[in-house]
C-alpha atoms as a PDB file:
ATOM      1  CA  MET A   1       0.006   0.006  -0.010  1.00  0.00           C
ATOM      2  CA  SER A   2       2.747   2.431   0.968  1.00  0.00           C
ATOM      3  CA  HIS A   3       4.614   1.571  -2.211  1.00  0.00           C
ATOM      4  CA  THR A   4       1.517   2.479  -4.284  1.00  0.00           C
ATOM      5  CA  LEU A   5       1.170   5.761  -2.361  1.00  0.00           C
ATOM      6  CA  GLY A   6       4.782   6.514  -2.974  1.00  0.00           C
ATOM      7  CA  ILE A   7       4.362   6.012  -6.706  1.00  0.00           C
ATOM      8  CA  ARG A   8       1.298   8.249  -6.766  1.00  0.00           C
ATOM      9  CA  GLN A   9       3.088  10.967  -4.795  1.00  0.00           C
ATOM     10  CA  ALA A  10       6.046  10.818  -7.139  1.00  0.00           C
ATOM     11  CA  GLN A  11       3.725  11.065 -10.187  1.00  0.00           C
ATOM     12  CA  LYS A  12       1.916  14.008  -8.582  1.00  0.00           C
ATOM     13  CA  GLN A  13       5.177  15.769  -7.964  1.00  0.00           C
ATOM     14  CA  LYS A  14       6.303  15.040 -11.511  1.00  0.00           C
ATOM     15  CA  THR A  15       3.129  16.589 -12.914  1.00  0.00           C
ATOM     16  CA  ARG A  16       3.424  19.618 -10.661  1.00  0.00           C
ATOM     17  CA  GLN A  17       6.985  20.194 -11.826  1.00  0.00           C
ATOM     18  CA  ALA A  18       5.900  19.760 -15.449  1.00  0.00           C
ATOM     19  CA  LEU A  19       3.317  22.484 -14.949  1.00  0.00           C
ATOM     20  CA  LEU A  20       5.918  24.808 -13.416  1.00  0.00           C
ATOM     21  CA  ASP A  21       8.359  24.121 -16.259  1.00  0.00           C
ATOM     22  CA  ALA A  22       5.695  24.614 -18.928  1.00  0.00           C
ATOM     23  CA  ALA A  23       4.565  27.898 -17.361  1.00  0.00           C
ATOM     24  CA  LEU A  24       8.138  29.141 -17.154  1.00  0.00           C
ATOM     25  CA  GLY A  25       8.635  28.356 -20.830  1.00  0.00           C
ATOM     26  CA  LEU A  26       5.411  30.138 -21.810  1.00  0.00           C
ATOM     27  CA  LEU A  27       6.435  33.161 -19.719  1.00  0.00           C
ATOM     28  CA  GLU A  28       9.494  33.683 -21.898  1.00  0.00           C
ATOM     29  CA  GLU A  29       7.201  35.682 -24.227  1.00  0.00           C
ATOM     30  CA  GLN A  30       4.448  36.979 -21.950  1.00  0.00           C
ATOM     31  CA  SER A  31       3.612  38.168 -18.475  1.00  0.00           C
ATOM     32  CA  LEU A  32       1.962  36.060 -15.831  1.00  0.00           C
ATOM     33  CA  SER A  33      -1.207  38.194 -15.922  1.00  0.00           C
ATOM     34  CA  SER A  34      -1.865  37.123 -19.514  1.00  0.00           C
ATOM     35  CA  LEU A  35      -1.111  33.451 -18.970  1.00  0.00           C
ATOM     36  CA  GLY A  36      -4.064  31.103 -19.048  1.00  0.00           C
ATOM     37  CA  LEU A  37      -4.122  27.807 -17.205  1.00  0.00           C
ATOM     38  CA  ARG A  38      -5.372  26.060 -20.388  1.00  0.00           C
ATOM     39  CA  GLU A  39      -2.153  27.139 -22.117  1.00  0.00           C
ATOM     40  CA  VAL A  40      -0.163  25.511 -19.311  1.00  0.00           C
ATOM     41  CA  THR A  41      -2.119  22.272 -19.178  1.00  0.00           C
ATOM     42  CA  ARG A  42      -2.128  21.998 -22.953  1.00  0.00           C
ATOM     43  CA  ALA A  43       1.672  22.283 -22.946  1.00  0.00           C
ATOM     44  CA  VAL A  44       1.949  19.500 -20.381  1.00  0.00           C
ATOM     45  CA  GLY A  45      -0.745  17.334 -21.994  1.00  0.00           C
ATOM     46  CA  VAL A  46      -3.109  17.087 -19.022  1.00  0.00           C
ATOM     47  CA  ALA A  47      -6.754  18.109 -18.612  1.00  0.00           C
ATOM     48  CA  PRO A  48      -7.416  21.620 -17.292  1.00  0.00           C
ATOM     49  CA  THR A  49      -9.039  20.172 -14.224  1.00  0.00           C
ATOM     50  CA  ALA A  50      -5.709  18.558 -13.339  1.00  0.00           C
ATOM     51  CA  PHE A  51      -4.243  22.010 -12.789  1.00  0.00           C
ATOM     52  CA  TYR A  52      -6.319  22.490  -9.663  1.00  0.00           C
ATOM     53  CA  ARG A  53      -4.869  19.392  -8.020  1.00  0.00           C
ATOM     54  CA  HIS A  54      -1.624  21.352  -7.734  1.00  0.00           C
ATOM     55  CA  PHE A  55      -2.408  25.066  -7.794  1.00  0.00           C
ATOM     56  CA  ARG A  56      -5.411  27.200  -6.831  1.00  0.00           C
ATOM     57  CA  SER A  57      -4.801  29.718  -9.688  1.00  0.00           C
ATOM     58  CA  THR A  58      -2.159  30.960 -12.061  1.00  0.00           C
ATOM     59  CA  ALA A  59      -1.201  33.444  -9.315  1.00  0.00           C
ATOM     60  CA  ASP A  60      -0.607  30.499  -6.987  1.00  0.00           C
ATOM     61  CA  LEU A  61       1.549  28.884  -9.655  1.00  0.00           C
ATOM     62  CA  GLY A  62       3.430  32.192  -9.992  1.00  0.00           C
ATOM     63  CA  VAL A  63       4.167  32.232  -6.273  1.00  0.00           C
ATOM     64  CA  ALA A  64       5.559  28.679  -6.595  1.00  0.00           C
ATOM     65  CA  LEU A  65       7.770  29.872  -9.436  1.00  0.00           C
ATOM     66  CA  VAL A  66       9.065  32.707  -7.206  1.00  0.00           C
ATOM     67  CA  GLU A  67      10.041  30.141  -4.597  1.00  0.00           C
ATOM     68  CA  GLU A  68      11.692  27.994  -7.197  1.00  0.00           C
ATOM     69  CA  ALA A  69      13.555  30.960  -8.719  1.00  0.00           C
ATOM     70  CA  LEU A  70      14.620  32.672  -5.490  1.00  0.00           C
ATOM     71  CA  GLY A  71      14.226  30.219  -2.634  1.00  0.00           C
ATOM     72  CA  SER A  72      17.471  28.390  -3.262  1.00  0.00           C
ATOM     73  CA  LEU A  73      19.588  31.534  -3.706  1.00  0.00           C
ATOM     74  CA  HIS A  74      20.112  32.416  -0.058  1.00  0.00           C
ATOM     75  CA  PRO A  75      23.472  30.575   0.243  1.00  0.00           C
ATOM     76  CA  MET A  76      24.729  32.288  -2.895  1.00  0.00           C
ATOM     77  CA  ILE A  77      23.620  35.696  -1.631  1.00  0.00           C
ATOM     78  CA  ARG A  78      25.486  35.168   1.645  1.00  0.00           C
ATOM     79  CA  THR A  79      28.563  34.095  -0.330  1.00  0.00           C
ATOM     80  CA  THR A  80      28.559  37.293  -2.400  1.00  0.00           C
ATOM     81  CA  VAL A  81      28.958  39.450   0.721  1.00  0.00           C
ATOM     82  CA  SER A  82      31.204  37.064   2.657  1.00  0.00           C
ATOM     83  CA  THR A  83      34.076  38.756   4.462  1.00  0.00           C
ATOM     84  CA  THR A  84      36.501  36.265   2.900  1.00  0.00           C
ATOM     85  CA  GLY A  85      39.131  37.913   0.697  1.00  0.00           C
ATOM     86  CA  ASP A  86      39.877  41.623   0.078  1.00  0.00           C
ATOM     87  CA  ARG A  87      37.405  44.050  -1.445  1.00  0.00           C
ATOM     88  CA  GLU A  88      38.401  43.420  -5.033  1.00  0.00           C
ATOM     89  CA  GLU A  89      38.108  39.672  -4.586  1.00  0.00           C
ATOM     90  CA  ARG A  90      34.645  40.072  -3.123  1.00  0.00           C
ATOM     91  CA  VAL A  91      33.497  42.235  -6.024  1.00  0.00           C
ATOM     92  CA  THR A  92      34.924  39.808  -8.569  1.00  0.00           C
ATOM     93  CA  ARG A  93      33.347  36.833  -6.763  1.00  0.00           C
ATOM     94  CA  THR A  94      29.960  38.558  -6.619  1.00  0.00           C
ATOM     95  CA  ILE A  95      29.837  39.480 -10.295  1.00  0.00           C
ATOM     96  CA  ASP A  96      31.062  36.037 -11.347  1.00  0.00           C
ATOM     97  CA  LEU A  97      28.377  34.296  -9.278  1.00  0.00           C
ATOM     98  CA  ILE A  98      25.685  36.528 -10.708  1.00  0.00           C
ATOM     99  CA  ALA A  99      26.871  35.952 -14.297  1.00  0.00           C
ATOM    100  CA  ARG A 100      26.983  32.176 -13.828  1.00  0.00           C
ATOM    101  CA  HIS A 101      23.534  32.125 -12.304  1.00  0.00           C
ATOM    102  CA  VAL A 102      22.052  34.134 -15.170  1.00  0.00           C
ATOM    103  CA  ASP A 103      23.753  31.872 -17.651  1.00  0.00           C
ATOM    104  CA  GLY A 104      22.369  28.761 -15.944  1.00  0.00           C
ATOM    105  CA  TYR A 105      18.841  30.017 -15.179  1.00  0.00           C
ATOM    106  CA  PRO A 106      17.931  32.729 -17.700  1.00  0.00           C
ATOM    107  CA  ALA A 107      14.194  31.967 -17.667  1.00  0.00           C
ATOM    108  CA  HIS A 108      14.011  32.286 -13.885  1.00  0.00           C
ATOM    109  CA  VAL A 109      15.896  35.623 -13.966  1.00  0.00           C
ATOM    110  CA  ARG A 110      13.623  36.914 -16.712  1.00  0.00           C
ATOM    111  CA  PHE A 111      10.509  35.896 -14.769  1.00  0.00           C
ATOM    112  CA  ILE A 112      11.630  37.690 -11.598  1.00  0.00           C
ATOM    113  CA  ALA A 113      12.699  40.787 -13.502  1.00  0.00           C
ATOM    114  CA  ARG A 114       9.338  40.996 -15.314  1.00  0.00           C
ATOM    115  CA  GLU A 115       7.025  40.104 -12.419  1.00  0.00           C
ATOM    116  CA  ARG A 116       8.795  42.087  -9.680  1.00  0.00           C
ATOM    117  CA  HIS A 117       6.696  45.032 -10.753  1.00  0.00           C
ATOM    118  CA  GLY A 118       4.056  43.081 -12.675  1.00  0.00           C
ATOM    119  CA  GLY A 119       0.332  42.999 -12.444  1.00  0.00           C
ATOM    120  CA  VAL A 120      -0.161  39.947 -10.179  1.00  0.00           C
ATOM    121  CA  GLN A 121      -0.199  41.151  -6.580  1.00  0.00           C
ATOM    122  CA  PRO A 122       0.497  37.814  -4.782  1.00  0.00           C
ATOM    123  CA  VAL A 123       3.513  37.297  -6.991  1.00  0.00           C
ATOM    124  CA  ARG A 124       4.818  40.811  -6.384  1.00  0.00           C
ATOM    125  CA  GLU A 125       4.412  40.271  -2.651  1.00  0.00           C
ATOM    126  CA  ALA A 126       6.172  36.882  -2.806  1.00  0.00           C
ATOM    127  CA  ILE A 127       9.144  38.457  -4.632  1.00  0.00           C
ATOM    128  CA  ARG A 128       9.216  41.321  -2.156  1.00  0.00           C
ATOM    129  CA  GLU A 129       9.270  38.869   0.763  1.00  0.00           C
ATOM    130  CA  GLN A 130      12.066  36.872  -0.723  1.00  0.00           C
ATOM    131  CA  LEU A 131      14.128  39.993  -1.434  1.00  0.00           C
ATOM    132  CA  ALA A 132      13.517  41.142   2.152  1.00  0.00           C
ATOM    133  CA  ARG A 133      14.914  37.800   3.311  1.00  0.00           C
ATOM    134  CA  PHE A 134      17.902  38.299   0.999  1.00  0.00           C
ATOM    135  CA  ALA A 135      18.500  41.754   2.519  1.00  0.00           C
ATOM    136  CA  GLN A 136      18.387  40.245   6.026  1.00  0.00           C
ATOM    137  CA  ASP A 137      20.927  37.576   4.976  1.00  0.00           C
ATOM    138  CA  VAL A 138      23.213  40.289   3.527  1.00  0.00           C
ATOM    139  CA  LYS A 139      22.751  42.429   6.643  1.00  0.00           C
ATOM    140  CA  ASP A 140      23.776  39.535   8.894  1.00  0.00           C
ATOM    141  CA  GLU A 141      26.967  39.053   6.831  1.00  0.00           C
ATOM    142  CA  LEU A 142      27.749  42.732   6.712  1.00  0.00           C
ATOM    143  CA  ALA A 143      27.475  42.955  10.477  1.00  0.00           C
ATOM    144  CA  LYS A 144      30.391  40.505  10.794  1.00  0.00           C
ATOM    145  CA  ASP A 145      32.736  42.820   8.855  1.00  0.00           C
ATOM    146  CA  PRO A 146      34.882  45.151  10.955  1.00  0.00           C
ATOM    147  CA  VAL A 147      34.054  47.906   8.443  1.00  0.00           C
ATOM    148  CA  SER A 148      30.486  47.818   9.922  1.00  0.00           C
ATOM    149  CA  SER A 149      31.656  48.662  13.435  1.00  0.00           C
ATOM    150  CA  GLY A 150      29.460  51.460  14.769  1.00  0.00           C
ATOM    151  CA  TRP A 151      26.715  51.066  12.170  1.00  0.00           C
ATOM    152  CA  SER A 152      23.115  51.096  13.320  1.00  0.00           C
ATOM    153  CA  GLU A 153      20.802  48.198  12.461  1.00  0.00           C
ATOM    154  CA  ASP A 154      18.757  50.452  10.213  1.00  0.00           C
ATOM    155  CA  ASP A 155      21.809  51.641   8.296  1.00  0.00           C
ATOM    156  CA  LEU A 156      23.071  48.089   7.842  1.00  0.00           C
ATOM    157  CA  LEU A 157      19.700  47.017   6.489  1.00  0.00           C
ATOM    158  CA  MET A 158      19.657  50.014   4.153  1.00  0.00           C
ATOM    159  CA  LEU A 159      23.041  49.011   2.805  1.00  0.00           C
ATOM    160  CA  ALA A 160      21.919  45.385   2.459  1.00  0.00           C
ATOM    161  CA  HIS A 161      18.927  46.457   0.349  1.00  0.00           C
ATOM    162  CA  LEU A 162      21.304  48.535  -1.778  1.00  0.00           C
ATOM    163  CA  TYR A 163      23.442  45.475  -2.412  1.00  0.00           C
ATOM    164  CA  VAL A 164      20.424  43.296  -3.242  1.00  0.00           C
ATOM    165  CA  ASP A 165      19.049  45.871  -5.709  1.00  0.00           C
ATOM    166  CA  GLN A 166      22.472  46.116  -7.316  1.00  0.00           C
ATOM    167  CA  MET A 167      22.644  42.317  -7.732  1.00  0.00           C
ATOM    168  CA  LEU A 168      19.216  42.280  -9.352  1.00  0.00           C
ATOM    169  CA  SER A 169      20.143  45.111 -11.699  1.00  0.00           C
ATOM    170  CA  THR A 170      23.357  43.342 -12.687  1.00  0.00           C
ATOM    171  CA  ALA A 171      21.477  40.092 -13.308  1.00  0.00           C
ATOM    172  CA  SER A 172      19.056  41.874 -15.586  1.00  0.00           C
ATOM    173  CA  LEU A 173      21.923  43.487 -17.525  1.00  0.00           C
ATOM    174  CA  PHE A 174      23.626  40.115 -17.945  1.00  0.00           C
ATOM    175  CA  LEU A 175      20.364  38.688 -19.184  1.00  0.00           C
ATOM    176  CA  GLU A 176      20.080  41.443 -21.813  1.00  0.00           C
ATOM    177  CA  ALA A 177      23.688  40.782 -22.875  1.00  0.00           C
ATOM    178  CA  LEU A 178      22.975  37.105 -23.399  1.00  0.00           C
ATOM    179  CA  GLU A 179      19.895  37.868 -25.499  1.00  0.00           C
ATOM    180  CA  GLY A 180      21.742  40.093 -27.955  1.00  0.00           C
ATOM    181  CA  PRO A 181      23.374  38.943 -31.198  1.00  0.00           C
ATOM    182  CA  GLU A 182      25.579  35.956 -30.442  1.00  0.00           C
ATOM    183  CA  GLU A 183      28.702  37.513 -31.942  1.00  0.00           C
ATOM    184  CA  GLU A 184      28.269  40.572 -29.665  1.00  0.00           C
ATOM    185  CA  ARG A 185      27.676  38.610 -26.450  1.00  0.00           C
ATOM    186  CA  PRO A 186      31.309  38.450 -25.191  1.00  0.00           C
ATOM    187  CA  ASP A 187      31.737  42.218 -25.572  1.00  0.00           C
ATOM    188  CA  ARG A 188      28.330  42.958 -24.087  1.00  0.00           C
ATOM    189  CA  THR A 189      28.907  40.633 -21.162  1.00  0.00           C
ATOM    190  CA  ARG A 190      32.341  42.143 -20.535  1.00  0.00           C
ATOM    191  CA  HIS A 191      30.803  45.636 -20.526  1.00  0.00           C
ATOM    192  CA  VAL A 192      28.212  44.570 -17.949  1.00  0.00           C
ATOM    193  CA  ALA A 193      30.906  43.059 -15.733  1.00  0.00           C
ATOM    194  CA  GLN A 194      33.002  46.232 -15.979  1.00  0.00           C
ATOM    195  CA  LEU A 195      30.013  48.458 -15.161  1.00  0.00           C
ATOM    196  CA  ALA A 196      28.908  46.297 -12.259  1.00  0.00           C
ATOM    197  CA  THR A 197      32.475  46.302 -10.878  1.00  0.00           C
ATOM    198  CA  ARG A 198      32.546  50.117 -10.900  1.00  0.00           C
ATOM    199  CA  GLN A 199      29.115  50.298  -9.272  1.00  0.00           C
ATOM    200  CA  MET A 200      30.090  47.819  -6.535  1.00  0.00           C
ATOM    201  CA  ARG A 201      33.322  49.783  -5.894  1.00  0.00           C
ATOM    202  CA  LEU A 202      31.276  52.979  -5.542  1.00  0.00           C
ATOM    203  CA  ILE A 203      28.964  51.355  -2.994  1.00  0.00           C
ATOM    204  CA  GLY A 204      32.043  50.065  -1.134  1.00  0.00           C
ATOM    205  CA  LEU A 205      33.603  53.506  -1.126  1.00  0.00           C
ATOM    206  CA  GLY A 206      30.461  55.084   0.270  1.00  0.00           C
ATOM    207  CA  ARG A 207      30.281  52.358   2.863  1.00  0.00           C
ATOM    208  CA  ARG A 208      33.806  52.999   4.141  1.00  0.00           C
ATOM    209  CA  HIS A 209      33.113  56.704   4.638  1.00  0.00           C
ATOM    210  CA  TRP A 210      29.486  56.537   5.822  1.00  0.00           C
ATOM    211  CA  LEU A 211      30.379  57.318   9.433  1.00  0.00           C
ATOM    212  CA  ASP A 212      32.839  60.115   8.589  1.00  0.00           C
END
């Protein structure tokens, strides 16, 4: 009996993931607010009624996509602001991690960039909550750095949000670079990395003199 239940659960999870993957693919060319559940179920090859065994609505599916896209990134976010290495090493490490993530998960990055200010409120709120968690992770790491000595909690959190916004902006720029003409991608990607490096240095400079 338990073996049968296990098979059913595995199949249910497989169908749920197929719906998520299909939706993500369809969202390459449209926003979540225009996505119909029939489009998603048709892409998977299941009846529309099957959708409701996994999600209450397309908004609910969108929230699940937010969790899939951002939920696993907390360790990476902490790594980007780790106190290991000097300032230049940290900047280089951060930009390299962002570039590799965009290269590996472009559809997820595109989804977050588009829906962060999109028309589906539960999804906007889910993204905002995840980014707030990112900022808290960054704040906790920044607090360990001697440079942060004397900083208030509010100022540390403000700086953390600044870093998170910068990471998102850099990810979006890397995504745009990847979507350009193939022969131009190396130069476009290099330009994004150079710009992001300068921006991160500027944030770091302001950080070192904030208490002056």
